[in-house]
C-alpha atoms as a PDB file:
ATOM      1  CA  MET A   1     223.141 259.361 112.701  1.00  0.00           C
ATOM      2  CA  LEU A   2     221.017 258.720 109.589  1.00  0.00           C
ATOM      3  CA  TRP A   3     218.073 260.711 110.914  1.00  0.00           C
ATOM      4  CA  LEU A   4     220.320 263.485 112.160  1.00  0.00           C
ATOM      5  CA  ASN A   5     221.787 263.628 108.655  1.00  0.00           C
ATOM      6  CA  VAL A   6     218.268 264.350 107.361  1.00  0.00           C
ATOM      7  CA  VAL A   7     217.150 266.721 110.112  1.00  0.00           C
ATOM      8  CA  LEU A   8     220.244 268.804 110.915  1.00  0.00           C
ATOM      9  CA  PRO A   9     221.310 270.216 107.493  1.00  0.00           C
ATOM     10  CA  PRO A  10     218.123 272.280 107.031  1.00  0.00           C
ATOM     11  CA  ILE A  11     218.492 273.621 110.553  1.00  0.00           C
ATOM     12  CA  ILE A  12     222.117 274.576 109.945  1.00  0.00           C
ATOM     13  CA  ASP A  13     221.384 276.060 106.482  1.00  0.00           C
ATOM     14  CA  GLY A  14     218.417 278.031 107.775  1.00  0.00           C
ATOM     15  CA  ARG A  15     215.956 276.310 105.432  1.00  0.00           C
ATOM     16  CA  LEU A  16     212.412 275.883 106.610  1.00  0.00           C
ATOM     17  CA  TYR A  17     211.869 272.243 105.564  1.00  0.00           C
ATOM     18  CA  PRO A  18     214.104 269.252 104.800  1.00  0.00           C
ATOM     19  CA  GLU A  19     214.019 267.972 101.219  1.00  0.00           C
ATOM     20  CA  GLY A  20     212.574 264.603 102.265  1.00  0.00           C
ATOM     21  CA  LEU A  21     209.518 266.215 103.837  1.00  0.00           C
ATOM     22  CA  ALA A  22     207.526 266.212 100.554  1.00  0.00           C
ATOM     23  CA  HIS A  23     203.877 266.973 101.396  1.00  0.00           C
ATOM     24  CA  PHE A  24     203.987 265.991 105.078  1.00  0.00           C
ATOM     25  CA  THR A  25     203.906 268.572 107.833  1.00  0.00           C
ATOM     26  CA  THR A  26     206.455 266.724 109.961  1.00  0.00           C
ATOM     27  CA  MET A  27     208.922 263.885 109.600  1.00  0.00           C
ATOM     28  CA  VAL A  28     207.079 261.504 111.913  1.00  0.00           C
ATOM     29  CA  VAL A  29     209.517 258.591 111.808  1.00  0.00           C
ATOM     30  CA  GLN A  30     212.504 260.812 112.469  1.00  0.00           C
ATOM     31  CA  GLY A  31     210.659 262.527 115.315  1.00  0.00           C
ATOM     32  CA  PHE A  32     209.757 259.234 116.972  1.00  0.00           C
ATOM     33  CA  ASP A  33     213.250 257.857 116.494  1.00  0.00           C
ATOM     34  CA  LEU A  34     214.931 260.928 117.902  1.00  0.00           C
ATOM     35  CA  ALA A  35     212.463 261.277 120.777  1.00  0.00           C
ATOM     36  CA  LEU A  36     212.161 257.638 121.807  1.00  0.00           C
ATOM     37  CA  PHE A  37     215.426 255.947 120.864  1.00  0.00           C
ATOM     38  CA  LEU A  38     218.079 258.641 121.050  1.00  0.00           C
ATOM     39  CA  PRO A  39     217.864 259.436 124.812  1.00  0.00           C
ATOM     40  CA  PRO A  40     218.081 255.787 125.962  1.00  0.00           C
ATOM     41  CA  SER A  41     220.889 255.185 123.477  1.00  0.00           C
ATOM     42  CA  LEU A  42     222.840 258.126 124.828  1.00  0.00           C
ATOM     43  CA  LEU A  43     222.236 256.951 128.399  1.00  0.00           C
ATOM     44  CA  ALA A  44     223.364 253.417 127.524  1.00  0.00           C
ATOM     45  CA  GLY A  45     226.493 254.791 125.824  1.00  0.00           C
ATOM     46  CA  TYR A  46     227.267 256.970 128.829  1.00  0.00           C
ATOM     47  CA  THR A  47     226.909 254.118 131.313  1.00  0.00           C
ATOM     48  CA  TYR A  48     229.131 251.979 129.082  1.00  0.00           C
ATOM     49  CA  LEU A  49     231.806 254.676 128.952  1.00  0.00           C
ATOM     50  CA  VAL A  50     231.846 255.223 132.711  1.00  0.00           C
ATOM     51  CA  GLY A  51     232.118 251.481 133.238  1.00  0.00           C
ATOM     52  CA  LYS A  52     228.895 250.775 135.119  1.00  0.00           C
ATOM     53  CA  PRO A  53     227.766 247.193 134.547  1.00  0.00           C
ATOM     54  CA  ALA A  54     224.338 246.650 132.990  1.00  0.00           C
ATOM     55  CA  VAL A  55     221.600 244.967 134.957  1.00  0.00           C
ATOM     56  CA  GLY A  56     221.498 241.298 134.034  1.00  0.00           C
ATOM     57  CA  VAL A  57     218.389 240.278 132.156  1.00  0.00           C
ATOM     58  CA  ASN A  58     217.482 236.856 130.847  1.00  0.00           C
ATOM     59  CA  GLY A  59     217.636 236.957 127.046  1.00  0.00           C
ATOM     60  CA  GLY A  60     215.856 233.632 126.581  1.00  0.00           C
ATOM     61  CA  PRO A  61     212.371 234.962 125.798  1.00  0.00           C
ATOM     62  CA  ALA A  62     213.720 237.394 123.201  1.00  0.00           C
ATOM     63  CA  LEU A  63     215.676 234.589 121.550  1.00  0.00           C
ATOM     64  CA  VAL A  64     212.391 232.772 120.994  1.00  0.00           C
ATOM     65  CA  ILE A  65     209.914 235.614 120.414  1.00  0.00           C
ATOM     66  CA  ILE A  66     211.933 237.637 117.876  1.00  0.00           C
ATOM     67  CA  PRO A  67     212.563 234.740 115.450  1.00  0.00           C
ATOM     68  CA  LEU A  68     208.891 233.724 115.737  1.00  0.00           C
ATOM     69  CA  LEU A  69     207.809 237.278 114.910  1.00  0.00           C
ATOM     70  CA  LEU A  70     210.188 237.276 111.944  1.00  0.00           C
ATOM     71  CA  ALA A  71     208.830 233.968 110.676  1.00  0.00           C
ATOM     72  CA  GLY A  72     205.274 235.246 111.063  1.00  0.00           C
ATOM     73  CA  ALA A  73     206.067 238.483 109.218  1.00  0.00           C
ATOM     74  CA  VAL A  74     207.769 236.636 106.350  1.00  0.00           C
ATOM     75  CA  THR A  75     204.857 234.193 106.110  1.00  0.00           C
ATOM     76  CA  ALA A  76     202.286 237.002 106.145  1.00  0.00           C
ATOM     77  CA  ALA A  77     204.217 238.891 103.451  1.00  0.00           C
ATOM     78  CA  TYR A  78     204.419 235.747 101.319  1.00  0.00           C
ATOM     79  CA  VAL A  79     200.693 235.057 101.663  1.00  0.00           C
ATOM     80  CA  ALA A  80     199.798 238.685 100.956  1.00  0.00           C
ATOM     81  CA  LEU A  81     202.051 238.980  97.895  1.00  0.00           C
ATOM     82  CA  LYS A  82     201.465 235.524  96.419  1.00  0.00           C
ATOM     83  CA  PRO A  83     198.467 236.583  94.266  1.00  0.00           C
ATOM     84  CA  TYR A  84     200.510 239.405  92.733  1.00  0.00           C
ATOM     85  CA  ALA A  85     203.325 237.034  91.761  1.00  0.00           C
ATOM     86  CA  ARG A  86     200.921 235.026  89.587  1.00  0.00           C
ATOM     87  CA  VAL A  87     199.653 238.143  87.819  1.00  0.00           C
ATOM     88  CA  ARG A  88     203.173 239.401  87.144  1.00  0.00           C
ATOM     89  CA  ALA A  89     204.355 236.036  85.763  1.00  0.00           C
ATOM     90  CA  GLN A  90     201.617 235.951  83.117  1.00  0.00           C
END
């Protein structure tokens, strides 16, 4: 809904470009989100509404991999930003 809020008003108003476009030729993130995530989301919502059960999948690997990726990303951000914290404190 957030991306549609950005993309649809210019289409409805007849404007050529959305305000958030700035100097880009396209809104890449919105395009990827709408193209890749919207159709499966709509399909999942439809199957939920008609009452078809989802295929059972083991969630164990995701419960391990996702927190490890988060910890790695936080650690990498800390290491990358640590030199700038010293400069700012002085």
